[in-house]
Amino acid sequence: MKTAITELFGIQHPIIQGGMHYVGFAELAAAVSNAGGLGIITGLTQKTPELLAKEIARCRDMTDKPFGVNLTFLPSFTAPPYPEYIAAIREGGVRIVETAGRSPEQYMPALKAAGIKVIHKCTSVRHSLKAEKIGCDAVSVDGFECGGHPGEDDIPNMILLPRAADELKIPFVASGGMADGRSLVASLAMGADGINMGTRFVATKEAPVHDNVKRALVEATELDTRLVMRALRNTERVLKNKGVDQLLEIEREKGASLKIQDIHEQVAGVYPKVMVDGEMDAGAWSCGMVVGLINDIPTVKELIDRVMTEAEQIIRQRLTGFLDGTGAKAPTRAVA
């Protein structure tokens, strides 16, 4: 399948594995790229630029296909040394960067000077247009369904994607609720040029996370995510657990007076405890509503091949069936 995204990034399938904290290591990124998608290393999971350089080299040993690095720009008292991270990316020969969080405008000159293509994650049309204006090559449009930070507008993809298609000139991928061939076809129909899958890739054999995490995703339903930190205007969609229940109780007690310090124990340093140690009740960790569509733990290649096969069947059989009068039923689905 050829789209503007496959052409832009030189990949076989219009499927991107988004950056995820303590998930986006070389093993997963290489597996996605080898399967024809675009794998992404999560830059700031690596504590220093030197460690990122080593992780890029590890990934390079595992794949000769294109892969990228995620850089998330976050407000903090001590900002990470972003210029040094960008230098590690450049010197590692990586030519694709997924940016997230705050606008990457300050760093665009350095990224473009290195010949790097930039795809920025956005939760609104206005932010997408800003990304286009500052020179991003593509955007990942994240609907309210997504895990992590869905923004504060609460617009789901059925509205957000067509709106983005109406306004943008650069290509974009759909993110949030993406799990299978149906997700891909629906996104293409609404104007996207591909999909970004996060939570779905965590439940794969190659994902370098504790088995408890993968089992939790398979066992959860679409009713098991919660929104936290709304009062701080830093909304995050996470998987319900005991730590999240405690966090929500604190939020109820504090109300509008809530401060980040009040929930420090439930949000700080959680990812290593969950992803590495398998402590599923440690606190808040990102998970999309798409968890309701996750029923197995395939290899990355099995997952991507399944998505593409199902998408082709839907397009060729079901959709064309409506046009030629055969009234085709939906193709029989493999486990998603």
Protein backbone atom coordinates (compact mmCIF):
# COMPACT_ATOMS: atom_id res chain seq x y z
CA MET A 1 0.00 0.00 0.00
CA LYS A 2 1.39 3.38 -1.02
CA THR A 3 0.40 6.59 0.72
CA ALA A 4 2.03 9.96 1.26
CA ILE A 5 3.43 8.60 4.54
CA THR A 6 5.03 5.50 3.04
CA GLU A 7 6.60 7.69 0.37
CA LEU A 8 7.79 10.32 2.86
CA PHE A 9 9.49 7.86 5.20
CA GLY A 10 10.48 5.14 2.73
CA ILE A 11 8.48 2.39 4.44
CA GLN A 12 6.36 -0.45 3.10
CA HIS A 13 3.22 -0.07 5.22
CA PRO A 14 1.58 3.14 6.53
CA ILE A 15 1.96 2.07 10.15
CA ILE A 16 4.03 3.93 12.75
CA GLN A 17 4.93 2.73 16.23
CA GLY A 18 4.77 5.86 18.35
CA GLY A 19 7.30 6.71 21.02
CA MET A 20 6.40 5.28 24.43
CA HIS A 21 8.29 5.75 27.69
CA TYR A 22 10.15 2.60 28.77
CA VAL A 23 8.67 0.73 25.78
CA GLY A 24 10.34 2.28 22.74
CA PHE A 25 13.66 0.50 22.94
CA ALA A 26 15.69 -0.84 20.01
CA GLU A 27 14.07 -4.29 20.15
CA LEU A 28 10.58 -2.99 19.42
CA ALA A 29 11.62 -0.28 16.98
CA ALA A 30 13.67 -2.73 14.91
CA ALA A 31 10.87 -5.31 14.88
CA VAL A 32 8.37 -2.75 13.57
CA SER A 33 10.75 -1.48 10.91
CA ASN A 34 11.69 -5.01 9.82
CA ALA A 35 7.96 -5.78 9.45
CA GLY A 36 7.54 -2.85 7.06
CA GLY A 37 6.36 -0.14 9.43
CA LEU A 38 8.25 2.71 11.07
CA GLY A 39 9.74 1.86 14.44
CA ILE A 40 10.49 4.62 16.94
CA ILE A 41 13.04 4.72 19.76
CA THR A 42 11.89 6.84 22.72
CA GLY A 43 14.72 9.32 23.14
CA LEU A 44 14.19 10.51 26.72
CA THR A 45 13.88 6.98 28.10
CA GLN A 46 17.61 7.04 27.53
CA LYS A 47 18.92 9.14 30.44
CA THR A 48 21.74 10.79 28.50
CA PRO A 49 22.52 11.59 24.85
CA GLU A 50 25.39 9.11 25.06
CA LEU A 51 22.98 6.32 26.02
CA LEU A 52 20.67 7.33 23.17
CA ALA A 53 23.61 7.05 20.76
CA LYS A 54 24.23 3.50 21.99
CA GLU A 55 20.54 2.62 21.63
CA ILE A 56 20.51 3.94 18.06
CA ALA A 57 23.58 1.82 17.30
CA ARG A 58 21.86 -1.24 18.79
CA CYS A 59 18.82 -0.64 16.61
CA ARG A 60 21.06 -0.18 13.57
CA ASP A 61 22.52 -3.64 14.27
CA MET A 62 19.00 -5.13 14.25
CA THR A 63 17.56 -3.51 11.11
CA ASP A 64 18.66 -1.92 7.86
CA LYS A 65 15.22 -0.33 7.43
CA PRO A 66 14.26 3.26 8.32
CA PHE A 67 13.50 3.97 11.97
CA GLY A 68 13.05 7.13 13.97
CA VAL A 69 13.55 8.65 17.40
CA ASN A 70 10.92 10.33 19.56
CA LEU A 71 11.80 13.58 21.34
CA THR A 72 9.20 14.89 23.77
CA PHE A 73 9.54 18.54 24.74
CA LEU A 74 8.20 18.97 28.25
CA PRO A 75 8.15 21.87 30.72
CA SER A 76 10.59 21.15 33.54
CA PHE A 77 12.84 22.90 36.02
CA THR A 78 15.89 21.31 34.41
CA ALA A 79 15.39 20.78 30.69
CA PRO A 80 17.08 17.79 29.07
CA PRO A 81 20.03 18.73 26.85
CA TYR A 82 17.96 18.64 23.66
CA PRO A 83 20.74 19.94 21.36
CA GLU A 84 22.93 17.04 22.49
CA TYR A 85 20.12 14.53 21.95
CA ILE A 86 19.62 15.95 18.45
CA ALA A 87 23.36 15.63 17.81
CA ALA A 88 23.23 11.96 18.85
CA ILE A 89 20.32 11.41 16.46
CA ARG A 90 22.14 13.17 13.62
CA GLU A 91 25.42 11.38 14.20
CA GLY A 92 23.60 8.05 14.45
CA GLY A 93 22.33 8.53 10.91
CA VAL A 94 18.67 8.71 11.93
CA ARG A 95 16.68 10.86 9.52
CA ILE A 96 13.22 10.70 11.08
CA VAL A 97 12.18 12.30 14.39
CA GLU A 98 8.78 12.15 16.06
CA THR A 99 8.31 15.19 18.28
CA ALA A 100 5.69 15.52 21.00
CA GLY A 101 4.72 17.75 23.90
CA ARG A 102 5.52 21.40 23.37
CA SER A 103 6.17 22.88 19.93
CA PRO A 104 9.51 21.82 18.41
CA GLU A 105 9.89 25.23 16.73
CA GLN A 106 13.03 26.14 18.69
CA TYR A 107 14.78 22.99 17.45
CA MET A 108 13.51 22.88 13.88
CA PRO A 109 16.58 24.67 12.38
CA ALA A 110 18.92 22.05 13.85
CA LEU A 111 16.68 19.16 12.79
CA LYS A 112 16.23 20.44 9.24
CA ALA A 113 19.93 21.26 8.89
CA ALA A 114 20.62 17.59 9.62
CA GLY A 115 18.21 16.52 6.86
CA ILE A 116 15.79 15.08 9.40
CA LYS A 117 12.10 14.65 8.58
CA VAL A 118 9.88 15.69 11.50
CA ILE A 119 6.45 14.32 12.39
CA HIS A 120 4.85 16.16 15.33
CA LYS A 121 2.13 14.71 17.56
CA CYS A 122 -0.88 17.03 17.84
CA THR A 123 -4.21 16.80 19.64
CA SER A 124 -5.98 19.59 17.73
CA VAL A 125 -6.29 21.08 14.27
CA ARG A 126 -4.83 24.40 15.43
CA HIS A 127 -1.70 22.70 16.75
CA SER A 128 -1.44 20.68 13.55
CA LEU A 129 -1.56 23.86 11.47
CA LYS A 130 1.14 25.38 13.69
CA ALA A 131 3.31 22.30 13.10
CA GLU A 132 2.79 22.68 9.36
CA LYS A 133 3.68 26.38 9.54
CA ILE A 134 6.99 25.82 11.35
CA GLY A 135 8.11 23.25 8.78
CA CYS A 136 7.12 19.84 10.10
CA ASP A 137 6.92 17.30 7.30
CA ALA A 138 3.91 15.47 8.74
CA VAL A 139 1.78 15.32 11.87
CA SER A 140 0.30 12.58 14.01
CA VAL A 141 -3.24 13.63 14.89
CA ASP A 142 -4.22 12.21 18.29
CA GLY A 143 -7.89 11.84 19.09
CA PHE A 144 -9.40 11.87 22.58
CA GLU A 145 -9.29 8.05 22.60
CA CYS A 146 -5.50 7.98 22.75
CA GLY A 147 -3.37 6.83 25.65
CA GLY A 148 -1.12 9.41 27.24
CA HIS A 149 -1.96 13.07 26.84
CA PRO A 150 -5.06 13.69 24.65
CA GLY A 151 -5.04 17.46 25.10
CA GLU A 152 -7.87 19.44 26.61
CA ASP A 153 -10.36 19.70 23.73
CA ASP A 154 -11.82 16.17 24.07
CA ILE A 155 -12.40 15.75 20.32
CA PRO A 156 -12.58 12.10 19.14
CA ASN A 157 -11.11 10.94 15.86
CA MET A 158 -14.41 10.69 13.98
CA ILE A 159 -14.46 14.49 14.07
CA LEU A 160 -10.80 15.37 14.46
CA LEU A 161 -9.47 13.45 11.46
CA PRO A 162 -11.84 14.91 8.83
CA ARG A 163 -11.22 18.36 10.28
CA ALA A 164 -7.47 17.84 9.96
CA ALA A 165 -7.92 16.61 6.38
CA ASP A 166 -9.90 19.75 5.56
CA GLU A 167 -7.18 22.07 6.83
CA LEU A 168 -3.76 20.46 6.39
CA LYS A 169 -1.57 20.41 3.31
CA ILE A 170 1.07 18.09 4.77
CA PRO A 171 0.33 14.37 5.28
CA PHE A 172 -0.87 13.08 8.63
CA VAL A 173 -1.44 9.81 10.43
CA ALA A 174 -4.28 8.96 12.79
CA SER A 175 -3.46 8.10 16.39
CA GLY A 176 -5.71 6.96 19.21
CA GLY A 177 -7.91 3.87 18.93
CA MET A 178 -5.75 2.23 16.26
CA ALA A 179 -5.49 -1.56 16.48
CA ASP A 180 -6.31 -3.39 13.25
CA GLY A 181 -7.22 -3.24 9.57
CA ARG A 182 -10.53 -1.59 10.38
CA SER A 183 -8.66 1.22 12.11
CA LEU A 184 -6.43 1.73 9.08
CA VAL A 185 -9.25 1.73 6.52
CA ALA A 186 -11.39 4.07 8.61
CA SER A 187 -8.45 6.46 9.02
CA LEU A 188 -7.71 6.45 5.30
CA ALA A 189 -11.39 7.11 4.60
CA MET A 190 -11.29 10.17 6.86
CA GLY A 191 -8.26 11.64 5.11
CA ALA A 192 -5.29 10.28 7.00
CA ASP A 193 -2.31 8.73 5.22
CA GLY A 194 -1.65 6.03 7.79
CA ILE A 195 -1.94 5.16 11.46
CA ASN A 196 0.15 5.45 14.60
CA MET A 197 -0.24 2.55 17.06
CA GLY A 198 1.00 2.81 20.63
CA THR A 199 -0.82 0.63 23.15
CA ARG A 200 -1.42 -2.13 20.57
CA PHE A 201 2.35 -2.52 20.05
CA VAL A 202 2.92 -2.95 23.80
CA ALA A 203 1.01 -6.23 23.61
CA THR A 204 3.44 -7.90 21.23
CA LYS A 205 6.09 -10.53 21.84
CA GLU A 206 8.97 -8.17 21.03
CA ALA A 207 7.81 -5.32 23.27
CA PRO A 208 10.52 -5.17 25.98
CA VAL A 209 8.12 -4.87 28.92
CA HIS A 210 7.16 -7.18 31.77
CA ASP A 211 4.71 -9.96 30.92
CA ASN A 212 2.36 -8.59 33.58
CA VAL A 213 1.88 -5.49 31.41
CA LYS A 214 0.99 -7.51 28.33
CA ARG A 215 -1.44 -9.70 30.29
CA ALA A 216 -3.08 -6.60 31.78
CA LEU A 217 -3.71 -5.20 28.31
CA VAL A 218 -5.26 -8.44 27.07
CA GLU A 219 -7.49 -8.71 30.13
CA ALA A 220 -8.64 -5.06 30.14
CA THR A 221 -11.65 -3.67 28.28
CA GLU A 222 -12.43 -0.29 26.76
CA LEU A 223 -14.05 0.63 30.10
CA ASP A 224 -10.80 0.30 32.05
CA THR A 225 -9.00 3.56 31.28
CA ARG A 226 -9.24 6.69 33.41
CA LEU A 227 -8.45 10.37 32.86
CA VAL A 228 -6.18 11.91 35.48
CA MET A 229 -4.70 15.37 36.10
CA ARG A 230 -7.63 17.16 34.44
CA ALA A 231 -7.57 19.88 37.12
CA LEU A 232 -3.93 20.56 36.21
CA ARG A 233 -4.80 20.83 32.51
CA ASN A 234 -2.31 18.05 31.92
CA THR A 235 -4.88 15.34 31.21
CA GLU A 236 -3.53 11.81 30.81
CA ARG A 237 -5.40 8.65 29.87
CA VAL A 238 -4.11 5.74 31.95
CA LEU A 239 -5.05 2.15 32.81
CA LYS A 240 -7.12 1.80 35.99
CA ASN A 241 -5.27 0.25 38.92
CA LYS A 242 -4.96 0.73 42.70
CA GLY A 243 -2.44 3.54 42.30
CA VAL A 244 -4.76 5.35 39.89
CA ASP A 245 -7.68 4.86 42.28
CA GLN A 246 -5.60 6.56 45.00
CA LEU A 247 -4.72 9.37 42.61
CA LEU A 248 -8.36 9.97 41.71
CA GLU A 249 -9.34 10.01 45.38
CA ILE A 250 -6.71 12.69 46.06
CA GLU A 251 -8.04 14.68 43.11
CA ARG A 252 -11.56 14.47 44.51
CA GLU A 253 -10.41 15.63 47.93
CA LYS A 254 -8.27 18.51 46.65
CA GLY A 255 -10.60 19.69 43.91
CA ALA A 256 -9.49 22.92 42.23
CA SER A 257 -6.65 23.32 44.74
CA LEU A 258 -4.85 20.22 43.41
CA LYS A 259 -1.10 20.61 42.85
CA ILE A 260 1.24 18.19 41.13
CA GLN A 261 3.04 17.67 44.44
CA ASP A 262 -0.16 16.16 45.86
CA ILE A 263 0.01 13.21 43.46
CA HIS A 264 3.79 12.91 43.17
CA GLU A 265 3.83 9.37 44.56
CA GLN A 266 1.27 8.18 41.99
CA VAL A 267 2.93 9.70 38.89
CA ALA A 268 6.68 10.04 39.52
CA GLY A 269 9.01 7.19 38.66
CA VAL A 270 6.12 4.87 37.83
CA TYR A 271 7.24 3.59 34.42
CA PRO A 272 10.28 1.55 35.50
CA LYS A 273 8.21 -0.03 38.28
CA VAL A 274 5.48 -1.04 35.82
CA MET A 275 7.31 -1.78 32.59
CA VAL A 276 10.46 -3.33 34.07
CA ASP A 277 9.37 -4.76 37.43
CA GLY A 278 5.75 -5.59 36.53
CA GLU A 279 4.24 -3.74 39.52
CA MET A 280 0.84 -3.18 37.95
CA ASP A 281 -0.58 -1.06 40.79
CA ALA A 282 2.43 1.27 41.09
CA GLY A 283 0.60 4.30 39.69
CA ALA A 284 -0.48 6.05 36.51
CA TRP A 285 0.81 4.73 33.20
CA SER A 286 -0.49 5.59 29.75
CA CYS A 287 -2.98 3.31 28.03
CA GLY A 288 -5.48 4.01 25.25
CA MET A 289 -9.13 3.02 25.02
CA VAL A 290 -7.97 0.74 22.20
CA VAL A 291 -7.13 -1.74 24.97
CA GLY A 292 -10.69 -3.00 24.41
CA LEU A 293 -9.60 -4.31 21.00
CA ILE A 294 -6.51 -6.16 22.24
CA ASN A 295 -7.12 -9.88 22.67
CA ASP A 296 -3.77 -11.54 21.99
CA ILE A 297 0.01 -11.07 22.04
CA PRO A 298 1.31 -11.69 18.51
CA THR A 299 4.73 -11.00 17.10
CA VAL A 300 5.10 -7.55 15.58
CA LYS A 301 5.26 -9.06 12.09
CA GLU A 302 2.10 -11.10 12.69
CA LEU A 303 0.32 -7.97 13.88
CA ILE A 304 1.37 -5.76 10.98
CA ASP A 305 0.70 -8.46 8.38
CA ARG A 306 -2.73 -9.00 9.92
CA VAL A 307 -3.54 -5.29 9.81
CA MET A 308 -2.56 -5.00 6.16
CA THR A 309 -4.34 -8.21 5.08
CA GLU A 310 -7.52 -7.20 6.85
CA ALA A 311 -7.37 -3.68 5.42
CA GLU A 312 -7.04 -5.00 1.88
CA GLN A 313 -9.94 -7.42 2.39
CA ILE A 314 -12.16 -4.63 3.70
CA ILE A 315 -11.34 -2.36 0.79
CA ARG A 316 -11.54 -4.98 -1.98
CA GLN A 317 -14.44 -7.06 -0.65
CA ARG A 318 -16.67 -5.18 1.75
CA LEU A 319 -16.40 -1.63 0.41
CA THR A 320 -16.40 -2.43 -3.29
CA GLY A 321 -19.26 -4.84 -2.56
CA PHE A 322 -21.44 -1.90 -1.61
CA LEU A 323 -20.66 -0.26 -4.96
CA ASP A 324 -21.17 -3.28 -7.20
CA GLY A 325 -24.39 -4.33 -5.49
CA THR A 326 -23.20 -7.58 -3.95
CA GLY A 327 -23.74 -6.26 -0.43
CA ALA A 328 -20.57 -7.90 0.81
CA LYS A 329 -20.39 -8.79 4.48
CA ALA A 330 -17.40 -7.85 6.57
CA PRO A 331 -14.52 -10.30 6.06
CA THR A 332 -13.98 -12.87 8.79
CA ARG A 333 -11.54 -11.37 11.27
CA ALA A 334 -8.50 -12.91 12.85
CA VAL A 335 -8.00 -12.29 16.57
CA ALA A 336 -6.96 -8.66 17.16
